[in-house]
Amino acid sequence: PIFTLFCILIGCHSILASSTWTSSAETNVNPADAFSFKVALKPQNVDVLESTFWTISDPKSPFHGRYLDDQQIKDIISLPEAKIQEVQTYLTQSGEQNCDLKIRSSIHNDYL
């Protein structure tokens, strides 16, 4: 899959319901309570990022010390915008209708 559920605290009863998820009768959750969760997006080009890491870390390399900034890292590992939008659409359409769902992405687009 292009995303993996990282952490979720059940608040809105049917948000992101999956056929493999279960509900606990022991959970006392107020549906009006706010909660947060993260969705981890599987990065692409991890091998390129690792190779770059070793190249800039090698004192014998002409690229030694030329560290990447956040945008350069994002350019390497971020999924295409269409894939990120696909996950955001899924989250929005699968959510509880009475929830105020706000989706933000991390600096490298590896979490929503």
C-alpha atoms as a PDB file:
ATOM      1  CA  PRO A   1       0.000   0.000   0.000  1.00  0.00           C
ATOM      2  CA  ILE A   2       1.066   3.595  -0.481  1.00  0.00           C
ATOM      3  CA  PHE A   3       0.273   4.482   3.107  1.00  0.00           C
ATOM      4  CA  THR A   4       0.247   2.826   6.496  1.00  0.00           C
ATOM      5  CA  LEU A   5      -1.760   3.830   9.523  1.00  0.00           C
ATOM      6  CA  PHE A   6       0.776   4.900  12.131  1.00  0.00           C
ATOM      7  CA  CYS A   7      -1.317   5.931  15.116  1.00  0.00           C
ATOM      8  CA  ILE A   8      -5.018   6.496  15.648  1.00  0.00           C
ATOM      9  CA  LEU A   9      -7.107   7.267  18.687  1.00  0.00           C
ATOM     10  CA  ILE A  10     -10.728   6.434  17.989  1.00  0.00           C
ATOM     11  CA  GLY A  11     -12.954   9.475  18.413  1.00  0.00           C
ATOM     12  CA  CYS A  12     -15.457   9.720  15.604  1.00  0.00           C
ATOM     13  CA  HIS A  13     -17.087   6.333  15.478  1.00  0.00           C
ATOM     14  CA  SER A  14     -16.715   5.420  11.839  1.00  0.00           C
ATOM     15  CA  ILE A  15     -13.713   7.433  10.725  1.00  0.00           C
ATOM     16  CA  LEU A  16     -11.460   5.425   8.442  1.00  0.00           C
ATOM     17  CA  ALA A  17     -13.276   2.212   9.279  1.00  0.00           C
ATOM     18  CA  SER A  18     -11.526  -0.789   7.835  1.00  0.00           C
ATOM     19  CA  SER A  19     -12.903  -4.303   7.636  1.00  0.00           C
ATOM     20  CA  THR A  20      -9.942  -5.504   9.715  1.00  0.00           C
ATOM     21  CA  TRP A  21     -10.399  -2.977  12.540  1.00  0.00           C
ATOM     22  CA  THR A  22     -12.395  -3.729  15.641  1.00  0.00           C
ATOM     23  CA  SER A  23     -14.151  -1.578  18.183  1.00  0.00           C
ATOM     24  CA  SER A  24     -13.825  -2.048  21.912  1.00  0.00           C
ATOM     25  CA  ALA A  25     -16.916  -1.753  24.084  1.00  0.00           C
ATOM     26  CA  GLU A  26     -14.595  -0.845  26.964  1.00  0.00           C
ATOM     27  CA  THR A  27     -13.549   2.393  25.281  1.00  0.00           C
ATOM     28  CA  ASN A  28     -15.281   5.455  26.688  1.00  0.00           C
ATOM     29  CA  VAL A  29     -14.646   8.076  24.061  1.00  0.00           C
ATOM     30  CA  ASN A  30     -16.612  11.259  23.775  1.00  0.00           C
ATOM     31  CA  PRO A  31     -17.342  11.782  20.065  1.00  0.00           C
ATOM     32  CA  ALA A  32     -16.930  15.529  20.616  1.00  0.00           C
ATOM     33  CA  ASP A  33     -13.315  15.121  21.776  1.00  0.00           C
ATOM     34  CA  ALA A  34     -10.618  16.124  19.304  1.00  0.00           C
ATOM     35  CA  PHE A  35      -7.905  13.651  18.413  1.00  0.00           C
ATOM     36  CA  SER A  36      -4.924  13.446  16.094  1.00  0.00           C
ATOM     37  CA  PHE A  37      -3.406  10.683  14.038  1.00  0.00           C
ATOM     38  CA  LYS A  38      -0.612  10.339  11.517  1.00  0.00           C
ATOM     39  CA  VAL A  39      -0.565   8.424   8.297  1.00  0.00           C
ATOM     40  CA  ALA A  40       2.919   7.344   7.229  1.00  0.00           C
ATOM     41  CA  LEU A  41       3.512   7.504   3.498  1.00  0.00           C
ATOM     42  CA  LYS A  42       6.025   5.041   2.114  1.00  0.00           C
ATOM     43  CA  PRO A  43       8.916   7.161   0.801  1.00  0.00           C
ATOM     44  CA  GLN A  44      10.381   6.558  -2.620  1.00  0.00           C
ATOM     45  CA  ASN A  45      14.076   6.482  -3.545  1.00  0.00           C
ATOM     46  CA  VAL A  46      15.301   5.542  -0.077  1.00  0.00           C
ATOM     47  CA  ASP A  47      18.310   3.919  -1.754  1.00  0.00           C
ATOM     48  CA  VAL A  48      19.190   7.249  -3.406  1.00  0.00           C
ATOM     49  CA  LEU A  49      18.891   9.081  -0.087  1.00  0.00           C
ATOM     50  CA  GLU A  50      21.113   6.505   1.634  1.00  0.00           C
ATOM     51  CA  SER A  51      23.708   6.641  -1.139  1.00  0.00           C
ATOM     52  CA  THR A  52      23.726  10.429  -0.933  1.00  0.00           C
ATOM     53  CA  PHE A  53      24.153  10.225   2.844  1.00  0.00           C
ATOM     54  CA  TRP A  54      27.235   8.026   2.516  1.00  0.00           C
ATOM     55  CA  THR A  55      28.691  10.192  -0.271  1.00  0.00           C
ATOM     56  CA  ILE A  56      28.428  13.441   1.689  1.00  0.00           C
ATOM     57  CA  SER A  57      29.705  11.705   4.833  1.00  0.00           C
ATOM     58  CA  ASP A  58      32.844  10.324   3.173  1.00  0.00           C
ATOM     59  CA  PRO A  59      35.827  12.650   3.800  1.00  0.00           C
ATOM     60  CA  LYS A  60      37.406  11.417   0.533  1.00  0.00           C
ATOM     61  CA  SER A  61      34.362  12.354  -1.552  1.00  0.00           C
ATOM     62  CA  PRO A  62      34.337  15.631  -3.496  1.00  0.00           C
ATOM     63  CA  PHE A  63      30.773  16.022  -2.161  1.00  0.00           C
ATOM     64  CA  HIS A  64      31.823  15.677   1.488  1.00  0.00           C
ATOM     65  CA  GLY A  65      29.967  18.114   3.719  1.00  0.00           C
ATOM     66  CA  ARG A  66      27.500  19.212   1.028  1.00  0.00           C
ATOM     67  CA  TYR A  67      24.476  18.466   3.168  1.00  0.00           C
ATOM     68  CA  LEU A  68      20.990  18.389   1.727  1.00  0.00           C
ATOM     69  CA  ASP A  69      18.424  20.939   2.760  1.00  0.00           C
ATOM     70  CA  ASP A  70      14.812  20.013   3.477  1.00  0.00           C
ATOM     71  CA  GLN A  71      13.659  20.721  -0.075  1.00  0.00           C
ATOM     72  CA  GLN A  72      16.362  18.487  -1.565  1.00  0.00           C
ATOM     73  CA  ILE A  73      15.368  15.631   0.770  1.00  0.00           C
ATOM     74  CA  LYS A  74      11.705  16.158  -0.110  1.00  0.00           C
ATOM     75  CA  ASP A  75      12.567  16.092  -3.822  1.00  0.00           C
ATOM     76  CA  ILE A  76      14.232  12.685  -3.372  1.00  0.00           C
ATOM     77  CA  ILE A  77      11.790  10.834  -1.105  1.00  0.00           C
ATOM     78  CA  SER A  78       8.395  12.458  -1.622  1.00  0.00           C
ATOM     79  CA  LEU A  79       5.705  10.605  -3.501  1.00  0.00           C
ATOM     80  CA  PRO A  80       4.292  12.245  -6.604  1.00  0.00           C
ATOM     81  CA  GLU A  81       1.663  14.860  -5.731  1.00  0.00           C
ATOM     82  CA  ALA A  82      -1.055  12.739  -7.374  1.00  0.00           C
ATOM     83  CA  LYS A  83      -0.368   9.873  -4.933  1.00  0.00           C
ATOM     84  CA  ILE A  84      -0.451  12.215  -1.929  1.00  0.00           C
ATOM     85  CA  GLN A  85      -3.735  13.654  -3.204  1.00  0.00           C
ATOM     86  CA  GLU A  86      -5.091  10.117  -3.592  1.00  0.00           C
ATOM     87  CA  VAL A  87      -4.436   9.405   0.097  1.00  0.00           C
ATOM     88  CA  GLN A  88      -5.900  12.755   1.164  1.00  0.00           C
ATOM     89  CA  THR A  89      -9.041  12.071  -0.902  1.00  0.00           C
ATOM     90  CA  TYR A  90      -9.386   8.624   0.657  1.00  0.00           C
ATOM     91  CA  LEU A  91      -9.093  10.075   4.165  1.00  0.00           C
ATOM     92  CA  THR A  92     -11.606  12.817   3.429  1.00  0.00           C
ATOM     93  CA  GLN A  93     -14.157  10.521   1.784  1.00  0.00           C
ATOM     94  CA  SER A  94     -13.797   7.759   4.374  1.00  0.00           C
ATOM     95  CA  GLY A  95     -14.245   9.989   7.403  1.00  0.00           C
ATOM     96  CA  GLU A  96     -17.201  10.554   9.666  1.00  0.00           C
ATOM     97  CA  GLN A  97     -19.460  13.211   8.170  1.00  0.00           C
ATOM     98  CA  ASN A  98     -19.672  15.138  11.451  1.00  0.00           C
ATOM     99  CA  CYS A  99     -15.912  15.342  11.954  1.00  0.00           C
ATOM    100  CA  ASP A 100     -13.802  18.380  11.211  1.00  0.00           C
ATOM    101  CA  LEU A 101     -10.968  16.636   9.378  1.00  0.00           C
ATOM    102  CA  LYS A 102      -7.892  18.763   8.783  1.00  0.00           C
ATOM    103  CA  ILE A 103      -5.107  17.220   6.713  1.00  0.00           C
ATOM    104  CA  ARG A 104      -1.580  18.601   6.824  1.00  0.00           C
ATOM    105  CA  SER A 105       1.563  17.077   5.392  1.00  0.00           C
ATOM    106  CA  SER A 106       4.987  16.958   6.994  1.00  0.00           C
ATOM    107  CA  ILE A 107       7.903  18.941   5.604  1.00  0.00           C
ATOM    108  CA  HIS A 108       9.108  15.989   3.507  1.00  0.00           C
ATOM    109  CA  ASN A 109       5.591  14.731   2.600  1.00  0.00           C
ATOM    110  CA  ASP A 110       6.291  11.461   4.393  1.00  0.00           C
ATOM    111  CA  TYR A 111       3.434  11.883   6.889  1.00  0.00           C
ATOM    112  CA  LEU A 112      -0.074  13.296   6.665  1.00  0.00           C
END
